Amino acid sequence: GALLSAIGIAGMSRLNEANVLAVSGRAIEAAG
């Protein structure tokens, strides 16, 4: 419960570091 939000935000941040902007968090999960 404490880390759930951080996991999602960090996932989007890692995508940004890869020079990709995700307009939808749903798309990151679907990519998996």
Full PDB file with SEQRES, HELIX, SHEET, SSBOND, CRYST1, ORIGX, SCALE, CONECT and MASTER records, all heavy atoms in Angstrom:
SEQRES   1 A   32  GLY ALA LEU LEU SER ALA ILE GLY ILE ALA GLY MET SER          
SEQRES   2 A   32  ARG LEU ASN GLU ALA ASN VAL LEU ALA VAL SER GLY ARG          
SEQRES   3 A   32  ALA ILE GLU ALA ALA GLY                                      
HELIX    1 AA1 LEU A    4  GLU A   17  1                                  14    
HELIX    2 AA2 GLY A   25  ALA A   31  1                                   7    
CRYST1    1.000    1.000    1.000  90.00  90.00  90.00 P 1           1          
ORIGX1      1.000000  0.000000  0.000000        0.00000                         
ORIGX2      0.000000  1.000000  0.000000        0.00000                         
ORIGX3      0.000000  0.000000  1.000000        0.00000                         
SCALE1      1.000000  0.000000  0.000000        0.00000                         
SCALE2      0.000000  1.000000  0.000000        0.00000                         
SCALE3      0.000000  0.000000  1.000000        0.00000                         
ATOM      1  N   GLY A   1       0.820  -1.209   0.000  1.00  0.00           N  
ATOM      2  CA  GLY A   1       0.000   0.000   0.000  1.00  0.00           C  
ATOM      3  C   GLY A   1       0.852   1.256   0.000  1.00  0.00           C  
ATOM      4  O   GLY A   1       0.518   2.248  -0.648  1.00  0.00           O  
ATOM      5  N   ALA A   2       1.971   1.211   0.719  1.00  0.00           N  
ATOM      6  CA  ALA A   2       2.857   2.373   0.791  1.00  0.00           C  
ATOM      7  C   ALA A   2       3.631   2.581  -0.497  1.00  0.00           C  
ATOM      8  O   ALA A   2       3.956   3.712  -0.863  1.00  0.00           O  
ATOM      9  CB  ALA A   2       3.835   2.203   1.956  1.00  0.00           C  
ATOM     10  N   LEU A   3       3.929   1.489  -1.198  1.00  0.00           N  
ATOM     11  CA  LEU A   3       4.814   1.577  -2.373  1.00  0.00           C  
ATOM     12  C   LEU A   3       4.075   1.550  -3.706  1.00  0.00           C  
ATOM     13  O   LEU A   3       4.679   1.766  -4.744  1.00  0.00           O  
ATOM     14  CB  LEU A   3       5.828   0.427  -2.343  1.00  0.00           C  
ATOM     15  CG  LEU A   3       6.762   0.396  -1.131  1.00  0.00           C  
ATOM     16  CD1 LEU A   3       7.609  -0.870  -1.162  1.00  0.00           C  
ATOM     17  CD2 LEU A   3       7.660   1.630  -1.109  1.00  0.00           C  
ATOM     18  N   LEU A   4       2.770   1.288  -3.674  1.00  0.00           N  
ATOM     19  CA  LEU A   4       2.024   1.109  -4.925  1.00  0.00           C  
ATOM     20  C   LEU A   4       2.100   2.332  -5.824  1.00  0.00           C  
ATOM     21  O   LEU A   4       2.373   2.231  -7.013  1.00  0.00           O  
ATOM     22  CB  LEU A   4       0.557   0.782  -4.599  1.00  0.00           C  
ATOM     23  CG  LEU A   4      -0.342   0.424  -5.781  1.00  0.00           C  
ATOM     24  CD1 LEU A   4       0.210  -0.777  -6.529  1.00  0.00           C  
ATOM     25  CD2 LEU A   4      -1.756   0.151  -5.306  1.00  0.00           C  
ATOM     26  N   SER A   5       1.857   3.499  -5.263  1.00  0.00           N  
ATOM     27  CA  SER A   5       1.894   4.732  -6.055  1.00  0.00           C  
ATOM     28  C   SER A   5       3.295   4.998  -6.587  1.00  0.00           C  
ATOM     29  O   SER A   5       3.473   5.386  -7.743  1.00  0.00           O  
ATOM     30  CB  SER A   5       1.417   5.914  -5.214  1.00  0.00           C  
ATOM     31  OG  SER A   5       1.456   7.108  -5.959  1.00  0.00           O  
ATOM     32  N   ALA A   6       4.311   4.771  -5.736  1.00  0.00           N  
ATOM     33  CA  ALA A   6       5.699   5.010  -6.154  1.00  0.00           C  
ATOM     34  C   ALA A   6       6.088   4.101  -7.313  1.00  0.00           C  
ATOM     35  O   ALA A   6       6.815   4.512  -8.219  1.00  0.00           O  
ATOM     36  CB  ALA A   6       6.641   4.791  -4.975  1.00  0.00           C  
ATOM     37  N   ILE A   7       5.601   2.849  -7.304  1.00  0.00           N  
ATOM     38  CA  ILE A   7       5.919   1.908  -8.383  1.00  0.00           C  
ATOM     39  C   ILE A   7       5.396   2.438  -9.712  1.00  0.00           C  
ATOM     40  O   ILE A   7       6.093   2.426 -10.725  1.00  0.00           O  
ATOM     41  CB  ILE A   7       5.324   0.521  -8.081  1.00  0.00           C  
ATOM     42  CG1 ILE A   7       6.014  -0.113  -6.875  1.00  0.00           C  
ATOM     43  CG2 ILE A   7       5.467  -0.413  -9.289  1.00  0.00           C  
ATOM     44  CD1 ILE A   7       5.315  -1.354  -6.348  1.00  0.00           C  
ATOM     45  N   GLY A   8       4.134   2.905  -9.711  1.00  0.00           N  
ATOM     46  CA  GLY A   8       3.542   3.422 -10.946  1.00  0.00           C  
ATOM     47  C   GLY A   8       4.233   4.671 -11.445  1.00  0.00           C  
ATOM     48  O   GLY A   8       4.528   4.801 -12.639  1.00  0.00           O  
ATOM     49  N   ILE A   9       4.517   5.610 -10.539  1.00  0.00           N  
ATOM     50  CA  ILE A   9       5.190   6.855 -10.938  1.00  0.00           C  
ATOM     51  C   ILE A   9       6.590   6.562 -11.448  1.00  0.00           C  
ATOM     52  O   ILE A   9       7.035   7.126 -12.448  1.00  0.00           O  
ATOM     53  CB  ILE A   9       5.242   7.836  -9.750  1.00  0.00           C  
ATOM     54  CG1 ILE A   9       3.816   8.258  -9.348  1.00  0.00           C  
ATOM     55  CG2 ILE A   9       6.072   9.066 -10.098  1.00  0.00           C  
ATOM     56  CD1 ILE A   9       3.751   9.067  -8.074  1.00  0.00           C  
ATOM     57  N   ALA A  10       7.301   5.650 -10.766  1.00  0.00           N  
ATOM     58  CA  ALA A  10       8.664   5.305 -11.187  1.00  0.00           C  
ATOM     59  C   ALA A  10       8.664   4.647 -12.555  1.00  0.00           C  
ATOM     60  O   ALA A  10       9.586   4.849 -13.355  1.00  0.00           O  
ATOM     61  CB  ALA A  10       9.315   4.382 -10.155  1.00  0.00           C  
ATOM     62  N   GLY A  11       7.617   3.850 -12.853  1.00  0.00           N  
ATOM     63  CA  GLY A  11       7.525   3.226 -14.179  1.00  0.00           C  
ATOM     64  C   GLY A  11       7.426   4.265 -15.268  1.00  0.00           C  
ATOM     65  O   GLY A  11       8.099   4.177 -16.308  1.00  0.00           O  
ATOM     66  N   MET A  12       6.601   5.284 -15.068  1.00  0.00           N  
ATOM     67  CA  MET A  12       6.477   6.363 -16.049  1.00  0.00           C  
ATOM     68  C   MET A  12       7.778   7.153 -16.139  1.00  0.00           C  
ATOM     69  O   MET A  12       8.179   7.590 -17.219  1.00  0.00           O  
ATOM     70  CB  MET A  12       5.320   7.282 -15.680  1.00  0.00           C  
ATOM     71  CG  MET A  12       3.957   6.604 -15.740  1.00  0.00           C  
ATOM     72  SD  MET A  12       2.570   7.755 -15.652  1.00  0.00           S  
ATOM     73  CE  MET A  12       2.643   8.491 -17.283  1.00  0.00           C  
ATOM     74  N   SER A  13       8.446   7.324 -15.002  1.00  0.00           N  
ATOM     75  CA  SER A  13       9.713   8.055 -14.992  1.00  0.00           C  
ATOM     76  C   SER A  13      10.779   7.304 -15.789  1.00  0.00           C  
ATOM     77  O   SER A  13      11.545   7.906 -16.541  1.00  0.00           O  
ATOM     78  CB  SER A  13      10.183   8.266 -13.547  1.00  0.00           C  
ATOM     79  OG  SER A  13      11.419   8.939 -13.519  1.00  0.00           O  
ATOM     80  N   ARG A  14      10.826   5.959 -15.637  1.00  0.00           N  
ATOM     81  CA  ARG A  14      11.797   5.171 -16.405  1.00  0.00           C  
ATOM     82  C   ARG A  14      11.510   5.282 -17.896  1.00  0.00           C  
ATOM     83  O   ARG A  14      12.431   5.303 -18.712  1.00  0.00           O  
ATOM     84  CB  ARG A  14      11.759   3.706 -15.961  1.00  0.00           C  
ATOM     85  CG  ARG A  14      12.432   3.438 -14.643  1.00  0.00           C  
ATOM     86  CD  ARG A  14      12.681   1.946 -14.424  1.00  0.00           C  
ATOM     87  NE  ARG A  14      11.445   1.202 -14.323  1.00  0.00           N  
ATOM     88  CZ  ARG A  14      10.762   1.041 -13.197  1.00  0.00           C  
ATOM     89  NH1 ARG A  14      11.191   1.598 -12.067  1.00  0.00           N  
ATOM     90  NH2 ARG A  14       9.655   0.332 -13.170  1.00  0.00           N  
ATOM     91  N   LEU A  15      10.235   5.370 -18.247  1.00  0.00           N  
ATOM     92  CA  LEU A  15       9.877   5.525 -19.652  1.00  0.00           C  
ATOM     93  C   LEU A  15      10.331   6.887 -20.161  1.00  0.00           C  
ATOM     94  O   LEU A  15      10.851   7.009 -21.285  1.00  0.00           O  
ATOM     95  CB  LEU A  15       8.365   5.376 -19.824  1.00  0.00           C  
ATOM     96  CG  LEU A  15       7.884   5.004 -21.224  1.00  0.00           C  
ATOM     97  CD1 LEU A  15       8.367   3.618 -21.612  1.00  0.00           C  
ATOM     98  CD2 LEU A  15       6.370   5.054 -21.304  1.00  0.00           C  
ATOM     99  N   ASN A  16      10.175   7.923 -19.338  1.00  0.00           N  
ATOM    100  CA  ASN A  16      10.647   9.258 -19.721  1.00  0.00           C  
ATOM    101  C   ASN A  16      12.155   9.273 -19.908  1.00  0.00           C  
ATOM    102  O   ASN A  16      12.679   9.939 -20.806  1.00  0.00           O  
ATOM    103  CB  ASN A  16      10.247  10.282 -18.658  1.00  0.00           C  
ATOM    104  CG  ASN A  16       8.751  10.528 -18.619  1.00  0.00           C  
ATOM    105  OD1 ASN A  16       8.086  10.434 -19.642  1.00  0.00           O  
ATOM    106  ND2 ASN A  16       8.213  10.820 -17.451  1.00  0.00           N  
ATOM    107  N   GLU A  17      12.870   8.534 -19.048  1.00  0.00           N  
ATOM    108  CA  GLU A  17      14.320   8.461 -19.167  1.00  0.00           C  
ATOM    109  C   GLU A  17      14.735   7.764 -20.456  1.00  0.00           C  
ATOM    110  O   GLU A  17      15.834   7.989 -20.974  1.00  0.00           O  
ATOM    111  CB  GLU A  17      14.906   7.732 -17.959  1.00  0.00           C  
ATOM    112  CG  GLU A  17      14.809   8.527 -16.662  1.00  0.00           C  
ATOM    113  CD  GLU A  17      15.170   7.696 -15.444  1.00  0.00           C  
ATOM    114  OE1 GLU A  17      15.514   6.510 -15.620  1.00  0.00           O  
ATOM    115  OE2 GLU A  17      15.113   8.238 -14.325  1.00  0.00           O  
ATOM    116  N   ALA A  18      13.852   6.904 -20.976  1.00  0.00           N  
ATOM    117  CA  ALA A  18      14.118   6.237 -22.259  1.00  0.00           C  
ATOM    118  C   ALA A  18      13.704   7.123 -23.432  1.00  0.00           C  
ATOM    119  O   ALA A  18      13.685   6.677 -24.574  1.00  0.00           O  
ATOM    120  CB  ALA A  18      13.370   4.905 -22.326  1.00  0.00           C  
ATOM    121  N   ASN A  19      13.369   8.391 -23.151  1.00  0.00           N  
ATOM    122  CA  ASN A  19      12.974   9.369 -24.164  1.00  0.00           C  
ATOM    123  C   ASN A  19      11.632   9.036 -24.801  1.00  0.00           C  
ATOM    124  O   ASN A  19      11.416   9.271 -25.989  1.00  0.00           O  
ATOM    125  CB  ASN A  19      14.050   9.518 -25.244  1.00  0.00           C  
ATOM    126  CG  ASN A  19      14.676  10.891 -25.228  1.00  0.00           C  
ATOM    127  OD1 ASN A  19      14.435  11.677 -24.311  1.00  0.00           O  
ATOM    128  ND2 ASN A  19      15.475  11.198 -26.231  1.00  0.00           N  
ATOM    129  N   VAL A  20      10.747   8.454 -23.997  1.00  0.00           N  
ATOM    130  CA  VAL A  20       9.390   8.162 -24.469  1.00  0.00           C  
ATOM    131  C   VAL A  20       8.405   8.812 -23.499  1.00  0.00           C  
ATOM    132  O   VAL A  20       8.521   8.642 -22.291  1.00  0.00           O  
ATOM    133  CB  VAL A  20       9.121   6.641 -24.536  1.00  0.00           C  
ATOM    134  CG1 VAL A  20       7.686   6.365 -24.963  1.00  0.00           C  
ATOM    135  CG2 VAL A  20      10.089   5.975 -25.496  1.00  0.00           C  
ATOM    136  N   LEU A  21       7.461   9.557 -24.043  1.00  0.00           N  
ATOM    137  CA  LEU A  21       6.416  10.161 -23.225  1.00  0.00           C  
ATOM    138  C   LEU A  21       5.172   9.293 -23.306  1.00  0.00           C  
ATOM    139  O   LEU A  21       4.648   9.034 -24.386  1.00  0.00           O  
ATOM    140  CB  LEU A  21       6.080  11.571 -23.710  1.00  0.00           C  
ATOM    141  CG  LEU A  21       4.869  12.224 -23.020  1.00  0.00           C  
ATOM    142  CD1 LEU A  21       5.184  12.511 -21.572  1.00  0.00           C  
ATOM    143  CD2 LEU A  21       4.451  13.485 -23.741  1.00  0.00           C  
ATOM    144  N   ALA A  22       4.705   8.815 -22.156  1.00  0.00           N  
ATOM    145  CA  ALA A  22       3.483   8.019 -22.111  1.00  0.00           C  
ATOM    146  C   ALA A  22       2.325   8.928 -21.729  1.00  0.00           C  
ATOM    147  O   ALA A  22       2.320   9.524 -20.654  1.00  0.00           O  
ATOM    148  CB  ALA A  22       3.615   6.889 -21.093  1.00  0.00           C  
ATOM    149  N   VAL A  23       1.371   9.067 -22.623  1.00  0.00           N  
ATOM    150  CA  VAL A  23       0.203   9.881 -22.343  1.00  0.00           C  
ATOM    151  C   VAL A  23      -0.760   9.122 -21.435  1.00  0.00           C  
ATOM    152  O   VAL A  23      -1.594   9.698 -20.780  1.00  0.00           O  
ATOM    153  CB  VAL A  23      -0.499  10.277 -23.666  1.00  0.00           C  
ATOM    154  CG1 VAL A  23      -1.713  11.151 -23.418  1.00  0.00           C  
ATOM    155  CG2 VAL A  23       0.482  10.999 -24.575  1.00  0.00           C  
ATOM    156  N   SER A  24      -0.595   7.791 -21.377  1.00  0.00           N  
ATOM    157  CA  SER A  24      -1.488   6.952 -20.585  1.00  0.00           C  
ATOM    158  C   SER A  24      -0.685   5.923 -19.806  1.00  0.00           C  
ATOM    159  O   SER A  24       0.138   5.205 -20.379  1.00  0.00           O  
ATOM    160  CB  SER A  24      -2.488   6.238 -21.507  1.00  0.00           C  
ATOM    161  OG  SER A  24      -3.103   5.157 -20.853  1.00  0.00           O  
ATOM    162  N   GLY A  25      -0.934   5.856 -18.474  1.00  0.00           N  
ATOM    163  CA  GLY A  25      -0.291   4.827 -17.666  1.00  0.00           C  
ATOM    164  C   GLY A  25      -0.778   3.450 -18.049  1.00  0.00           C  
ATOM    165  O   GLY A  25      -0.049   2.457 -17.938  1.00  0.00           O  
ATOM    166  N   ARG A  26      -2.026   3.356 -18.532  1.00  0.00           N  
ATOM    167  CA  ARG A  26      -2.589   2.091 -18.980  1.00  0.00           C  
ATOM    168  C   ARG A  26      -1.731   1.498 -20.105  1.00  0.00           C  
ATOM    169  O   ARG A  26      -1.548   0.287 -20.189  1.00  0.00           O  
ATOM    170  CB  ARG A  26      -4.014   2.315 -19.473  1.00  0.00           C  
ATOM    171  CG  ARG A  26      -4.733   1.053 -19.925  1.00  0.00           C  
ATOM    172  CD  ARG A  26      -5.972   1.429 -20.717  1.00  0.00           C  
ATOM    173  NE  ARG A  26      -6.918   2.180 -19.917  1.00  0.00           N  
ATOM    174  CZ  ARG A  26      -7.997   1.652 -19.372  1.00  0.00           C  
ATOM    175  NH1 ARG A  26      -8.256   0.377 -19.523  1.00  0.00           N  
ATOM    176  NH2 ARG A  26      -8.824   2.397 -18.671  1.00  0.00           N  
ATOM    177  N   ALA A  27      -1.204   2.376 -20.974  1.00  0.00           N  
ATOM    178  CA  ALA A  27      -0.411   1.896 -22.110  1.00  0.00           C  
ATOM    179  C   ALA A  27       0.882   1.229 -21.654  1.00  0.00           C  
ATOM    180  O   ALA A  27       1.342   0.272 -22.270  1.00  0.00           O  
ATOM    181  CB  ALA A  27      -0.086   3.056 -23.052  1.00  0.00           C  
ATOM    182  N   ILE A  28       1.486   1.725 -20.563  1.00  0.00           N  
ATOM    183  CA  ILE A  28       2.724   1.119 -20.065  1.00  0.00           C  
ATOM    184  C   ILE A  28       2.450  -0.306 -19.609  1.00  0.00           C  
ATOM    185  O   ILE A  28       3.220  -1.222 -19.891  1.00  0.00           O  
ATOM    186  CB  ILE A  28       3.314   1.946 -18.901  1.00  0.00           C  
ATOM    187  CG1 ILE A  28       3.524   3.397 -19.316  1.00  0.00           C  
ATOM    188  CG2 ILE A  28       4.636   1.349 -18.440  1.00  0.00           C  
ATOM    189  CD1 ILE A  28       4.027   4.279 -18.204  1.00  0.00           C  
ATOM    190  N   GLU A  29       1.349  -0.499 -18.888  1.00  0.00           N  
ATOM    191  CA  GLU A  29       1.013  -1.845 -18.431  1.00  0.00           C  
ATOM    192  C   GLU A  29       0.685  -2.759 -19.608  1.00  0.00           C  
ATOM    193  O   GLU A  29       1.085  -3.921 -19.637  1.00  0.00           O  
ATOM    194  CB  GLU A  29      -0.165  -1.788 -17.464  1.00  0.00           C  
ATOM    195  CG  GLU A  29       0.196  -1.154 -16.141  1.00  0.00           C  
ATOM    196  CD  GLU A  29      -0.910  -1.326 -15.112  1.00  0.00           C  
ATOM    197  OE1 GLU A  29      -2.038  -1.665 -15.505  1.00  0.00           O  
ATOM    198  OE2 GLU A  29      -0.636  -1.126 -13.924  1.00  0.00           O  
ATOM    199  N   ALA A  30      -0.070  -2.218 -20.584  1.00  0.00           N  
ATOM    200  CA  ALA A  30      -0.414  -3.021 -21.755  1.00  0.00           C  
ATOM    201  C   ALA A  30       0.842  -3.431 -22.513  1.00  0.00           C  
ATOM    202  O   ALA A  30       0.906  -4.525 -23.088  1.00  0.00           O  
ATOM    203  CB  ALA A  30      -1.356  -2.238 -22.668  1.00  0.00           C  
ATOM    204  N   ALA A  31       1.863  -2.563 -22.507  1.00  0.00           N  
ATOM    205  CA  ALA A  31       3.115  -2.874 -23.205  1.00  0.00           C  
ATOM    206  C   ALA A  31       3.766  -4.122 -22.628  1.00  0.00           C  
ATOM    207  O   ALA A  31       4.476  -4.838 -23.337  1.00  0.00           O  
ATOM    208  CB  ALA A  31       4.078  -1.686 -23.114  1.00  0.00           C  
ATOM    209  N   GLY A  32       3.531  -4.376 -21.355  1.00  0.00           N  
ATOM    210  CA  GLY A  32       4.107  -5.564 -20.746  1.00  0.00           C  
ATOM    211  C   GLY A  32       3.477  -6.853 -21.231  1.00  0.00           C  
ATOM    212  O   GLY A  32       4.023  -7.934 -20.997  1.00  0.00           O  
TER     213      GLY A  32                                                      
MASTER        0    0    0    2    0    0    0    6  212    1    0    3          
END                                                                             
